[in-house]
Structures are given as structure tokens and as C-alpha cells.
């Protein structure tokens, strides 16, 4: 059921869904890999473990925009379930 939902999704802030693999695992959803890995790893990198964070880091990376992108992707996912 969840795989059917992922197949229908099309949103710029949600990774691509390639299909299901049952040959190498009992059941695995195959999605595009992202440079920072899973979302929890990305968030740790994004906020740098700080309670209070600046809108941009010392390199000019816009953390606020990234967090908004994540929120928009989650909103899309939750609207489909």
C-alpha cells in the first residue's frame, strides 16, 4: 500500500521512488540516495547540534529555506496518508 502511495507522489522535496526490491531483502523500497543520507543525518548536519541557529551559516548556506523545503515535503507526504 505504501509503495503505491510513493509511486504517485511527485514533489520537488520528496526523493524519487524507483520501486520495490524483494530479491536482496524481504521487502525494500528503493529510493534515490541523497548526499547527506537519511533525513535525521541531514538535520543533524543542517542545524549543527545547536539549539539556537542562525538563518544562514558562515558559508552562506540558508538553513531556514532547507527546513521549509523539508516541511513542505512532509506536508505532501502526510496529505497522501
Protein backbone atom coordinates (compact mmCIF):
# COMPACT_ATOMS: atom_id res chain seq x y z
CA UNK A 1 0.00 0.00 0.00
CA UNK A 2 2.76 2.44 0.93
CA UNK A 3 4.65 1.68 -2.29
CA UNK A 4 1.58 2.59 -4.34
CA UNK A 5 1.40 5.92 -2.48
CA UNK A 6 5.12 6.62 -3.10
CA UNK A 7 4.72 5.81 -6.79
CA UNK A 8 2.02 8.51 -7.15
CA UNK A 9 4.00 11.20 -5.32
CA UNK A 10 5.58 13.97 -7.29
CA UNK A 11 7.04 16.79 -5.24
CA UNK A 12 10.36 18.66 -5.51
CA UNK A 13 11.12 17.99 -1.83
CA UNK A 14 10.49 14.22 -1.86
CA UNK A 15 13.05 11.73 -3.14
CA UNK A 16 12.29 9.71 -6.25
CA UNK A 17 10.79 6.25 -5.78
CA UNK A 18 12.25 3.57 -8.07
CA UNK A 19 10.30 0.50 -6.96
CA UNK A 20 10.39 -2.49 -4.63
CA UNK A 21 13.24 -4.99 -4.22
CA UNK A 22 12.36 -8.44 -2.91
CA UNK A 23 15.46 -10.23 -4.24
CA UNK A 24 18.00 -8.85 -1.77
CA UNK A 25 15.73 -8.09 1.18
CA UNK A 26 12.42 -9.36 2.47
CA UNK A 27 10.88 -6.12 1.23
CA UNK A 28 12.76 -2.91 0.46
CA UNK A 29 11.54 0.33 -1.09
CA UNK A 30 14.15 1.66 -3.50
CA UNK A 31 14.50 5.45 -3.46
CA UNK A 32 17.07 7.92 -4.72
CA UNK A 33 20.06 8.34 -2.40
CA UNK A 34 20.69 11.82 -1.09
CA UNK A 35 24.12 13.41 -0.43
CA UNK A 36 23.60 13.64 3.34
CA UNK A 37 21.90 10.25 3.75
CA UNK A 38 18.75 9.82 5.78
CA UNK A 39 16.72 12.83 6.92
CA UNK A 40 17.90 12.54 10.54
CA UNK A 41 21.55 12.68 9.39
CA UNK A 42 20.78 15.66 7.19
CA UNK A 43 19.04 17.53 10.01
CA UNK A 44 21.97 16.93 12.36
CA UNK A 45 24.27 18.37 9.70
CA UNK A 46 21.88 21.22 8.92
CA UNK A 47 21.44 22.54 12.44
CA UNK A 48 24.89 21.56 13.65
CA UNK A 49 23.50 20.37 17.01
CA UNK A 50 22.79 23.95 18.09
CA UNK A 51 19.63 24.88 19.97
CA UNK A 52 19.64 28.38 18.52
CA UNK A 53 20.71 28.62 14.91
CA UNK A 54 21.30 31.47 12.55
CA UNK A 55 19.23 31.72 9.39
CA UNK A 56 22.44 31.23 7.41
CA UNK A 57 25.71 29.61 8.41
CA UNK A 58 29.21 31.04 7.95
CA UNK A 59 29.27 29.74 4.36
CA UNK A 60 26.00 31.47 3.48
CA UNK A 61 24.01 28.22 3.50
CA UNK A 62 20.33 29.09 4.03
CA UNK A 63 19.16 26.75 6.79
CA UNK A 64 15.70 28.30 7.01
CA UNK A 65 15.00 27.57 3.34
CA UNK A 66 16.16 23.97 3.78
CA UNK A 67 13.91 23.44 6.82
CA UNK A 68 10.97 24.91 4.90
CA UNK A 69 11.66 22.52 2.00
CA UNK A 70 11.61 19.60 4.44
CA UNK A 71 8.35 20.84 5.96
CA UNK A 72 6.74 21.14 2.51
CA UNK A 73 7.80 17.60 1.62
CA UNK A 74 6.40 16.25 4.90
CA UNK A 75 3.17 18.14 4.35
CA UNK A 76 2.80 16.46 0.95
CA UNK A 77 3.53 13.01 2.44
CA UNK A 78 1.01 13.47 5.24
CA UNK A 79 -1.69 14.68 2.85
CA UNK A 80 -1.39 11.34 0.98
CA UNK A 81 -1.72 9.05 4.03
